[in-house]
Amino acid sequence: MKMKTETKNVKWGEYKSQVAANADYKKFDDKLRQVLSGTGEQRQQLTAFLEERFQRRELVYGIHVASTALVTYLIFNYNEAHVHLVDSDNGGYAVAATQMKKQLKQLK
């Protein structure tokens, strides 16, 4: 990528920017889903922020902490049509969704 090598199927010099452009960042079902990287202190600050808003009944949230992430690639064409989905290891979005569903039940 650094040398901007081009092969029959891929322009490697452009690939990194295409990965960013094709990453899954869209909001579905009126829910924001993110994989974030940060320090323990940043996570504590974020959790405190979210918990305060949950207590005010402004939102529900789910968090799952993992030390690694998983990336799934759907490659239809290396130069244009590829999607990169990011999730955390050991349950990721599914574990966070379970926490969020428990919070939803508390609001009823």
N, C-alpha and C. Protein backbone atom coordinates (compact mmCIF):
# COMPACT_ATOMS: atom_id res chain seq x y z
N MET A 1 0.83 -1.19 0.00
CA MET A 1 0.00 0.00 0.00
C MET A 1 0.87 1.25 0.00
N LYS A 2 1.91 1.22 0.81
CA LYS A 2 2.79 2.38 0.91
C LYS A 2 3.48 2.68 -0.42
N MET A 3 3.80 1.65 -1.16
CA MET A 3 4.49 1.83 -2.45
C MET A 3 3.51 2.06 -3.59
N LYS A 4 2.21 2.04 -3.28
CA LYS A 4 1.15 2.26 -4.28
C LYS A 4 1.23 1.28 -5.45
N THR A 5 1.53 0.05 -5.11
CA THR A 5 1.63 -1.00 -6.11
C THR A 5 0.26 -1.25 -6.73
N GLU A 6 0.24 -1.50 -8.02
CA GLU A 6 -1.00 -1.86 -8.70
C GLU A 6 -0.84 -3.27 -9.27
N THR A 7 -1.85 -4.08 -9.01
CA THR A 7 -1.89 -5.42 -9.58
C THR A 7 -3.07 -5.48 -10.53
N LYS A 8 -3.29 -6.61 -11.09
CA LYS A 8 -4.40 -6.80 -12.02
C LYS A 8 -5.73 -6.45 -11.36
N ASN A 9 -5.89 -6.81 -10.10
CA ASN A 9 -7.16 -6.63 -9.42
C ASN A 9 -7.24 -5.46 -8.45
N VAL A 10 -6.09 -4.93 -8.02
CA VAL A 10 -6.13 -3.96 -6.93
C VAL A 10 -5.15 -2.82 -7.15
N LYS A 11 -5.61 -1.61 -6.84
CA LYS A 11 -4.74 -0.43 -6.76
C LYS A 11 -4.44 -0.25 -5.28
N TRP A 12 -3.34 -0.85 -4.80
CA TRP A 12 -3.07 -0.89 -3.37
C TRP A 12 -2.83 0.48 -2.77
N GLY A 13 -2.40 1.45 -3.52
CA GLY A 13 -2.20 2.80 -3.01
C GLY A 13 -3.51 3.46 -2.61
N GLU A 14 -4.61 3.04 -3.19
CA GLU A 14 -5.92 3.61 -2.90
C GLU A 14 -6.72 2.76 -1.93
N TYR A 15 -6.22 1.57 -1.62
CA TYR A 15 -7.02 0.60 -0.87
C TYR A 15 -7.37 1.07 0.54
N LYS A 16 -6.42 1.69 1.26
CA LYS A 16 -6.68 2.11 2.63
C LYS A 16 -7.82 3.14 2.69
N SER A 17 -7.83 4.08 1.78
CA SER A 17 -8.92 5.07 1.77
C SER A 17 -10.24 4.42 1.37
N GLN A 18 -10.19 3.41 0.52
CA GLN A 18 -11.41 2.70 0.14
C GLN A 18 -11.96 1.88 1.30
N VAL A 19 -11.07 1.32 2.12
CA VAL A 19 -11.53 0.58 3.30
C VAL A 19 -12.32 1.52 4.21
N ALA A 20 -11.78 2.70 4.45
CA ALA A 20 -12.48 3.68 5.30
C ALA A 20 -13.81 4.09 4.67
N ALA A 21 -13.81 4.32 3.39
CA ALA A 21 -15.04 4.74 2.69
C ALA A 21 -16.10 3.66 2.69
N ASN A 22 -15.69 2.41 2.71
CA ASN A 22 -16.63 1.30 2.64
C ASN A 22 -16.91 0.64 3.99
N ALA A 23 -16.44 1.24 5.07
CA ALA A 23 -16.69 0.67 6.39
C ALA A 23 -18.17 0.84 6.73
N ASP A 24 -18.69 -0.10 7.51
CA ASP A 24 -20.10 -0.05 7.94
C ASP A 24 -20.24 1.00 9.03
N TYR A 25 -20.83 2.12 8.70
CA TYR A 25 -20.99 3.21 9.65
C TYR A 25 -22.42 3.70 9.71
N LYS A 26 -23.30 3.05 9.01
CA LYS A 26 -24.67 3.53 8.88
C LYS A 26 -25.51 3.19 10.10
N LYS A 27 -26.53 3.97 10.29
CA LYS A 27 -27.45 3.79 11.40
C LYS A 27 -28.67 3.02 10.88
N PHE A 28 -29.00 1.91 11.51
CA PHE A 28 -30.15 1.12 11.13
C PHE A 28 -31.13 1.04 12.29
N ASP A 29 -32.40 0.99 12.02
CA ASP A 29 -33.43 0.84 13.05
C ASP A 29 -33.37 1.92 14.12
N ASP A 30 -32.97 3.12 13.74
CA ASP A 30 -32.85 4.24 14.68
C ASP A 30 -31.90 3.94 15.84
N LYS A 31 -30.94 3.08 15.62
CA LYS A 31 -29.94 2.75 16.64
C LYS A 31 -28.55 3.03 16.10
N LEU A 32 -27.72 3.58 16.94
CA LEU A 32 -26.33 3.81 16.58
C LEU A 32 -25.50 2.68 17.16
N ARG A 33 -24.74 2.01 16.32
CA ARG A 33 -23.88 0.91 16.76
C ARG A 33 -22.45 1.29 16.42
N GLN A 34 -21.57 1.22 17.41
CA GLN A 34 -20.18 1.60 17.18
C GLN A 34 -19.24 0.65 17.89
N VAL A 35 -18.08 0.47 17.31
CA VAL A 35 -16.97 -0.17 17.98
C VAL A 35 -15.96 0.95 18.22
N LEU A 36 -15.63 1.16 19.48
CA LEU A 36 -14.72 2.24 19.84
C LEU A 36 -13.46 1.67 20.47
N SER A 37 -12.38 2.36 20.28
CA SER A 37 -11.12 2.01 20.92
C SER A 37 -10.74 3.15 21.84
N GLY A 38 -10.35 2.83 23.06
CA GLY A 38 -9.96 3.88 23.99
C GLY A 38 -9.34 3.30 25.24
N THR A 39 -9.01 4.19 26.14
CA THR A 39 -8.41 3.79 27.41
C THR A 39 -9.49 3.41 28.40
N GLY A 40 -9.09 2.78 29.48
CA GLY A 40 -10.04 2.45 30.53
C GLY A 40 -10.70 3.70 31.10
N GLU A 41 -9.94 4.76 31.24
CA GLU A 41 -10.50 6.01 31.76
C GLU A 41 -11.54 6.59 30.80
N GLN A 42 -11.25 6.54 29.52
CA GLN A 42 -12.23 7.03 28.53
C GLN A 42 -13.50 6.21 28.58
N ARG A 43 -13.36 4.88 28.74
CA ARG A 43 -14.54 4.01 28.83
C ARG A 43 -15.36 4.36 30.07
N GLN A 44 -14.70 4.61 31.19
CA GLN A 44 -15.42 4.99 32.40
C GLN A 44 -16.19 6.29 32.21
N GLN A 45 -15.57 7.25 31.54
CA GLN A 45 -16.24 8.52 31.28
C GLN A 45 -17.44 8.33 30.38
N LEU A 46 -17.29 7.54 29.33
CA LEU A 46 -18.40 7.28 28.41
C LEU A 46 -19.53 6.55 29.13
N THR A 47 -19.17 5.54 29.92
CA THR A 47 -20.19 4.78 30.64
C THR A 47 -20.94 5.68 31.62
N ALA A 48 -20.22 6.54 32.32
CA ALA A 48 -20.87 7.47 33.26
C ALA A 48 -21.82 8.40 32.53
N PHE A 49 -21.40 8.89 31.38
CA PHE A 49 -22.25 9.78 30.56
C PHE A 49 -23.53 9.05 30.14
N LEU A 50 -23.38 7.83 29.62
CA LEU A 50 -24.53 7.07 29.15
C LEU A 50 -25.44 6.68 30.32
N GLU A 51 -24.85 6.28 31.43
CA GLU A 51 -25.65 5.86 32.58
C GLU A 51 -26.46 7.04 33.13
N GLU A 52 -25.87 8.22 33.16
CA GLU A 52 -26.60 9.41 33.62
C GLU A 52 -27.81 9.67 32.73
N ARG A 53 -27.65 9.55 31.44
CA ARG A 53 -28.77 9.76 30.52
C ARG A 53 -29.80 8.64 30.61
N PHE A 54 -29.34 7.42 30.88
CA PHE A 54 -30.28 6.32 31.09
C PHE A 54 -31.13 6.59 32.34
N GLN A 55 -30.49 7.04 33.40
CA GLN A 55 -31.22 7.33 34.64
C GLN A 55 -32.25 8.45 34.44
N ARG A 56 -31.96 9.35 33.52
CA ARG A 56 -32.91 10.43 33.19
C ARG A 56 -33.97 9.95 32.19
N ARG A 57 -33.85 8.68 31.77
CA ARG A 57 -34.77 8.08 30.80
C ARG A 57 -34.67 8.74 29.43
N GLU A 58 -33.48 9.19 29.09
CA GLU A 58 -33.24 9.82 27.78
C GLU A 58 -32.76 8.82 26.74
N LEU A 59 -32.17 7.71 27.19
CA LEU A 59 -31.66 6.72 26.25
C LEU A 59 -31.46 5.39 26.94
N VAL A 60 -31.28 4.36 26.14
CA VAL A 60 -30.83 3.07 26.64
C VAL A 60 -29.55 2.74 25.87
N TYR A 61 -28.72 1.92 26.48
CA TYR A 61 -27.44 1.62 25.83
C TYR A 61 -26.98 0.23 26.24
N GLY A 62 -26.05 -0.27 25.50
CA GLY A 62 -25.39 -1.53 25.82
C GLY A 62 -23.91 -1.38 25.53
N ILE A 63 -23.09 -1.92 26.38
CA ILE A 63 -21.64 -1.86 26.19
C ILE A 63 -21.08 -3.26 26.36
N HIS A 64 -20.15 -3.59 25.52
CA HIS A 64 -19.39 -4.83 25.66
C HIS A 64 -17.92 -4.47 25.53
N VAL A 65 -17.11 -4.92 26.47
CA VAL A 65 -15.68 -4.61 26.46
C VAL A 65 -14.91 -5.83 26.02
N ALA A 66 -14.00 -5.64 25.08
CA ALA A 66 -13.15 -6.72 24.59
C ALA A 66 -11.78 -6.15 24.26
N SER A 67 -10.78 -7.00 24.32
CA SER A 67 -9.42 -6.54 24.03
C SER A 67 -9.07 -6.68 22.55
N THR A 68 -9.95 -7.32 21.78
CA THR A 68 -9.68 -7.50 20.36
C THR A 68 -10.93 -7.20 19.55
N ALA A 69 -10.73 -6.98 18.28
CA ALA A 69 -11.85 -6.71 17.37
C ALA A 69 -11.79 -7.70 16.21
N LEU A 70 -12.93 -7.87 15.57
CA LEU A 70 -13.04 -8.73 14.40
C LEU A 70 -13.48 -7.88 13.21
N VAL A 71 -12.89 -8.13 12.08
CA VAL A 71 -13.28 -7.43 10.86
C VAL A 71 -13.72 -8.49 9.85
N THR A 72 -14.91 -8.31 9.31
CA THR A 72 -15.42 -9.20 8.27
C THR A 72 -15.42 -8.42 6.96
N TYR A 73 -14.88 -9.01 5.94
CA TYR A 73 -14.80 -8.36 4.63
C TYR A 73 -15.77 -9.02 3.66
N LEU A 74 -16.51 -8.23 2.95
CA LEU A 74 -17.32 -8.69 1.84
C LEU A 74 -16.73 -8.02 0.60
N ILE A 75 -16.03 -8.78 -0.19
CA ILE A 75 -15.32 -8.21 -1.33
C ILE A 75 -15.95 -8.69 -2.62
N PHE A 76 -16.54 -7.74 -3.32
CA PHE A 76 -17.13 -8.03 -4.62
C PHE A 76 -16.18 -7.60 -5.73
N ASN A 77 -15.46 -6.53 -5.47
CA ASN A 77 -14.49 -5.99 -6.40
C ASN A 77 -13.49 -5.20 -5.56
N TYR A 78 -12.21 -5.52 -5.63
CA TYR A 78 -11.21 -4.89 -4.77
C TYR A 78 -11.12 -3.38 -4.95
N ASN A 79 -11.42 -2.89 -6.13
CA ASN A 79 -11.24 -1.47 -6.40
C ASN A 79 -12.45 -0.61 -6.05
N GLU A 80 -13.60 -1.21 -5.87
CA GLU A 80 -14.78 -0.39 -5.62
C GLU A 80 -15.74 -1.01 -4.61
N ALA A 81 -16.15 -2.21 -4.85
CA ALA A 81 -17.26 -2.80 -4.10
C ALA A 81 -16.77 -3.76 -3.02
N HIS A 82 -16.43 -3.19 -1.87
CA HIS A 82 -16.11 -4.02 -0.73
C HIS A 82 -16.60 -3.34 0.53
N VAL A 83 -17.08 -4.15 1.47
CA VAL A 83 -17.64 -3.65 2.73
C VAL A 83 -16.86 -4.28 3.87
N HIS A 84 -16.58 -3.49 4.89
CA HIS A 84 -15.82 -3.96 6.04
C HIS A 84 -16.68 -3.76 7.29
N LEU A 85 -17.01 -4.85 7.95
CA LEU A 85 -17.84 -4.81 9.15
C LEU A 85 -16.95 -5.06 10.36
N VAL A 86 -17.06 -4.22 11.37
CA VAL A 86 -16.22 -4.33 12.55
C VAL A 86 -17.09 -4.66 13.76
N ASP A 87 -16.64 -5.61 14.56
CA ASP A 87 -17.32 -5.97 15.80
C ASP A 87 -16.23 -6.32 16.81
N SER A 88 -16.57 -6.31 18.09
CA SER A 88 -15.59 -6.72 19.09
C SER A 88 -15.67 -8.22 19.29
N ASP A 89 -14.64 -8.76 19.86
CA ASP A 89 -14.54 -10.19 20.09
C ASP A 89 -15.41 -10.61 21.29
N ASN A 90 -15.64 -11.89 21.41
CA ASN A 90 -16.35 -12.48 22.55
C ASN A 90 -17.77 -11.98 22.73
N GLY A 91 -18.49 -11.81 21.65
CA GLY A 91 -19.90 -11.46 21.76
C GLY A 91 -20.28 -10.13 21.14
N GLY A 92 -19.43 -9.16 21.26
CA GLY A 92 -19.61 -7.88 20.61
C GLY A 92 -21.00 -7.28 20.71
N TYR A 93 -21.55 -6.96 19.56
CA TYR A 93 -22.87 -6.31 19.50
C TYR A 93 -23.95 -7.14 20.17
N ALA A 94 -23.88 -8.46 20.07
CA ALA A 94 -24.91 -9.31 20.67
C ALA A 94 -24.94 -9.16 22.18
N VAL A 95 -23.78 -9.11 22.81
CA VAL A 95 -23.72 -8.95 24.26
C VAL A 95 -24.21 -7.56 24.66
N ALA A 96 -23.79 -6.54 23.92
CA ALA A 96 -24.24 -5.17 24.20
C ALA A 96 -25.76 -5.07 24.02
N ALA A 97 -26.30 -5.74 23.03
CA ALA A 97 -27.75 -5.71 22.79
C ALA A 97 -28.51 -6.35 23.94
N THR A 98 -27.95 -7.39 24.53
CA THR A 98 -28.59 -8.04 25.68
C THR A 98 -28.69 -7.05 26.85
N GLN A 99 -27.63 -6.31 27.10
CA GLN A 99 -27.66 -5.29 28.16
C GLN A 99 -28.70 -4.22 27.84
N MET A 100 -28.75 -3.80 26.60
CA MET A 100 -29.69 -2.76 26.22
C MET A 100 -31.14 -3.25 26.38
N LYS A 101 -31.41 -4.49 26.04
CA LYS A 101 -32.77 -5.04 26.19
C LYS A 101 -33.18 -5.10 27.66
N LYS A 102 -32.24 -5.39 28.55
CA LYS A 102 -32.55 -5.38 29.98
C LYS A 102 -32.93 -3.98 30.42
N GLN A 103 -32.23 -2.98 29.91
CA GLN A 103 -32.56 -1.60 30.26
C GLN A 103 -33.95 -1.22 29.74
N LEU A 104 -34.26 -1.67 28.55
CA LEU A 104 -35.59 -1.38 28.00
C LEU A 104 -36.69 -1.94 28.89
N LYS A 105 -36.50 -3.14 29.42
CA LYS A 105 -37.49 -3.76 30.32
C LYS A 105 -37.62 -2.95 31.60
N GLN A 106 -36.53 -2.36 32.08
CA GLN A 106 -36.57 -1.56 33.31
C GLN A 106 -37.42 -0.31 33.13
N LEU A 107 -37.51 0.19 31.90
CA LEU A 107 -38.26 1.41 31.64
C LEU A 107 -39.77 1.18 31.58
N LYS A 108 -40.20 -0.06 31.47
CA LYS A 108 -41.64 -0.36 31.34
C LYS A 108 -42.34 -0.21 32.66
